[in-house]
C-alpha atoms as a PDB file:
ATOM      1  CA  UNK A   1       1.878  56.264 -53.095  1.00  0.00           C
ATOM      2  CA  UNK A   2       4.050  53.220 -52.534  1.00  0.00           C
ATOM      3  CA  UNK A   3       2.460  49.786 -52.271  1.00  0.00           C
ATOM      4  CA  UNK A   4       4.301  46.822 -50.777  1.00  0.00           C
ATOM      5  CA  UNK A   5       2.700  43.402 -51.058  1.00  0.00           C
ATOM      6  CA  UNK A   6       2.969  40.214 -49.008  1.00  0.00           C
ATOM      7  CA  UNK A   7       0.979  37.095 -49.737  1.00  0.00           C
ATOM      8  CA  UNK A   8      -0.016  33.978 -47.813  1.00  0.00           C
ATOM      9  CA  UNK A   9      -2.328  31.508 -49.595  1.00  0.00           C
ATOM     10  CA  UNK A  10      -5.607  33.359 -50.272  1.00  0.00           C
ATOM     11  CA  UNK A  11      -4.590  36.425 -48.199  1.00  0.00           C
ATOM     12  CA  UNK A  12      -2.845  39.475 -49.686  1.00  0.00           C
ATOM     13  CA  UNK A  13      -1.564  42.269 -47.455  1.00  0.00           C
ATOM     14  CA  UNK A  14      -0.928  45.627 -49.085  1.00  0.00           C
ATOM     15  CA  UNK A  15       1.137  48.085 -47.068  1.00  0.00           C
ATOM     16  CA  UNK A  16       0.463  51.624 -48.281  1.00  0.00           C
ATOM     17  CA  UNK A  17       2.484  54.770 -47.781  1.00  0.00           C
ATOM     18  CA  UNK A  18       1.870  58.304 -48.996  1.00  0.00           C
ATOM     19  CA  UNK A  19      -1.371  59.851 -50.189  1.00  0.00           C
ATOM     20  CA  UNK A  20      -4.402  58.165 -51.715  1.00  0.00           C
ATOM     21  CA  UNK A  21      -5.666  60.888 -54.034  1.00  0.00           C
ATOM     22  CA  UNK A  22      -6.607  61.509 -57.668  1.00  0.00           C
ATOM     23  CA  UNK A  23      -3.009  60.947 -58.780  1.00  0.00           C
ATOM     24  CA  UNK A  24      -2.532  57.631 -56.983  1.00  0.00           C
ATOM     25  CA  UNK A  25      -6.036  56.154 -56.894  1.00  0.00           C
ATOM     26  CA  UNK A  26      -5.890  54.576 -60.398  1.00  0.00           C
ATOM     27  CA  UNK A  27      -2.797  52.577 -59.366  1.00  0.00           C
ATOM     28  CA  UNK A  28      -4.501  51.545 -56.124  1.00  0.00           C
ATOM     29  CA  UNK A  29      -7.642  50.343 -57.910  1.00  0.00           C
ATOM     30  CA  UNK A  30      -5.572  48.458 -60.485  1.00  0.00           C
ATOM     31  CA  UNK A  31      -3.617  46.754 -57.691  1.00  0.00           C
ATOM     32  CA  UNK A  32      -6.746  45.769 -55.755  1.00  0.00           C
ATOM     33  CA  UNK A  33      -8.490  44.359 -58.830  1.00  0.00           C
ATOM     34  CA  UNK A  34      -5.356  42.484 -59.882  1.00  0.00           C
ATOM     35  CA  UNK A  35      -4.972  40.920 -56.436  1.00  0.00           C
ATOM     36  CA  UNK A  36      -8.642  39.884 -56.382  1.00  0.00           C
ATOM     37  CA  UNK A  37      -7.902  37.639 -59.364  1.00  0.00           C
ATOM     38  CA  UNK A  38      -5.996  35.249 -57.100  1.00  0.00           C
ATOM     39  CA  UNK A  39      -6.719  36.268 -53.493  1.00  0.00           C
ATOM     40  CA  UNK A  40     -10.050  36.107 -51.694  1.00  0.00           C
ATOM     41  CA  UNK A  41      -9.024  38.426 -48.866  1.00  0.00           C
ATOM     42  CA  UNK A  42      -7.095  41.679 -49.180  1.00  0.00           C
ATOM     43  CA  UNK A  43      -5.957  43.740 -46.221  1.00  0.00           C
ATOM     44  CA  UNK A  44      -4.900  47.346 -46.761  1.00  0.00           C
ATOM     45  CA  UNK A  45      -2.533  48.632 -44.086  1.00  0.00           C
ATOM     46  CA  UNK A  46      -2.990  52.406 -43.717  1.00  0.00           C
ATOM     47  CA  UNK A  47      -0.350  53.038 -41.025  1.00  0.00           C
ATOM     48  CA  UNK A  48       1.715  55.244 -43.380  1.00  0.00           C
ATOM     49  CA  UNK A  49      -1.135  56.929 -45.255  1.00  0.00           C
ATOM     50  CA  UNK A  50      -1.445  60.594 -44.374  1.00  0.00           C
ATOM     51  CA  UNK A  51      -4.316  61.637 -46.635  1.00  0.00           C
ATOM     52  CA  UNK A  52      -7.295  60.190 -48.520  1.00  0.00           C
ATOM     53  CA  UNK A  53      -9.218  62.323 -51.032  1.00  0.00           C
ATOM     54  CA  UNK A  54     -12.670  61.741 -52.486  1.00  0.00           C
ATOM     55  CA  UNK A  55     -11.003  59.895 -55.387  1.00  0.00           C
ATOM     56  CA  UNK A  56      -9.318  57.630 -52.841  1.00  0.00           C
ATOM     57  CA  UNK A  57     -12.632  57.005 -51.083  1.00  0.00           C
ATOM     58  CA  UNK A  58     -14.193  56.067 -54.405  1.00  0.00           C
ATOM     59  CA  UNK A  59     -11.420  53.513 -55.030  1.00  0.00           C
ATOM     60  CA  UNK A  60     -11.915  51.984 -51.594  1.00  0.00           C
ATOM     61  CA  UNK A  61     -15.633  51.623 -52.275  1.00  0.00           C
ATOM     62  CA  UNK A  62     -15.000  50.140 -55.736  1.00  0.00           C
ATOM     63  CA  UNK A  63     -12.511  47.685 -54.255  1.00  0.00           C
ATOM     64  CA  UNK A  64     -14.946  46.767 -51.487  1.00  0.00           C
ATOM     65  CA  UNK A  65     -17.726  46.080 -54.006  1.00  0.00           C
ATOM     66  CA  UNK A  66     -15.388  44.106 -56.307  1.00  0.00           C
ATOM     67  CA  UNK A  67     -14.282  41.926 -53.373  1.00  0.00           C
ATOM     68  CA  UNK A  68     -17.876  41.215 -52.367  1.00  0.00           C
ATOM     69  CA  UNK A  69     -18.764  40.339 -55.975  1.00  0.00           C
ATOM     70  CA  UNK A  70     -16.026  37.684 -55.903  1.00  0.00           C
ATOM     71  CA  UNK A  71     -17.150  36.361 -52.491  1.00  0.00           C
ATOM     72  CA  UNK A  72     -14.040  37.903 -50.941  1.00  0.00           C
ATOM     73  CA  UNK A  73     -13.263  40.738 -48.594  1.00  0.00           C
ATOM     74  CA  UNK A  74     -11.345  43.990 -48.510  1.00  0.00           C
ATOM     75  CA  UNK A  75     -10.292  45.068 -45.030  1.00  0.00           C
ATOM     76  CA  UNK A  76      -8.571  48.235 -43.827  1.00  0.00           C
ATOM     77  CA  UNK A  77      -6.288  48.217 -40.790  1.00  0.00           C
ATOM     78  CA  UNK A  78      -3.909  50.454 -38.825  1.00  0.00           C
ATOM     79  CA  UNK A  79      -5.681  53.607 -39.981  1.00  0.00           C
ATOM     80  CA  UNK A  80      -4.158  56.913 -38.921  1.00  0.00           C
ATOM     81  CA  UNK A  81      -6.304  59.360 -36.932  1.00  0.00           C
ATOM     82  CA  UNK A  82      -6.515  61.844 -39.832  1.00  0.00           C
ATOM     83  CA  UNK A  83      -7.674  59.200 -42.294  1.00  0.00           C
ATOM     84  CA  UNK A  84     -10.112  57.712 -39.775  1.00  0.00           C
ATOM     85  CA  UNK A  85     -11.625  61.153 -39.305  1.00  0.00           C
ATOM     86  CA  UNK A  86     -12.298  61.331 -43.059  1.00  0.00           C
ATOM     87  CA  UNK A  87     -13.817  57.831 -43.072  1.00  0.00           C
ATOM     88  CA  UNK A  88     -16.028  58.692 -40.079  1.00  0.00           C
ATOM     89  CA  UNK A  89     -17.189  62.075 -41.375  1.00  0.00           C
ATOM     90  CA  UNK A  90     -18.105  60.694 -44.810  1.00  0.00           C
ATOM     91  CA  UNK A  91     -19.877  57.598 -43.500  1.00  0.00           C
ATOM     92  CA  UNK A  92     -17.375  55.261 -45.161  1.00  0.00           C
ATOM     93  CA  UNK A  93     -16.425  53.869 -41.747  1.00  0.00           C
ATOM     94  CA  UNK A  94     -19.902  52.345 -41.612  1.00  0.00           C
ATOM     95  CA  UNK A  95     -19.620  50.768 -45.080  1.00  0.00           C
ATOM     96  CA  UNK A  96     -16.023  49.508 -45.314  1.00  0.00           C
ATOM     97  CA  UNK A  97     -14.563  46.631 -43.318  1.00  0.00           C
ATOM     98  CA  UNK A  98     -12.258  48.216 -40.769  1.00  0.00           C
ATOM     99  CA  UNK A  99     -10.167  46.100 -38.454  1.00  0.00           C
ATOM    100  CA  UNK A 100      -9.764  47.834 -35.113  1.00  0.00           C
ATOM    101  CA  UNK A 101      -6.742  46.987 -32.999  1.00  0.00           C
END
């Protein structure tokens, strides 16, 4: 997984590409937690993410909870159809903050 970051004041945008799975989820969690040290709002752009495993779902939930604990937010946007299907079928679409276009 590749992660590209842009930042504006308290807002961090992370543009993701590749797969969010057991191999890449530790890096994703580390990045989210690191960004929450200085940003109150993190947006994850999923436009180039083809796959999310259960390990990836766990990281998204951990990031979501960490953001809430710091009075911040973690938002997902531009989610591909395949990834959205996983989020819907697991119930994560009802828990995570998803920005719909």
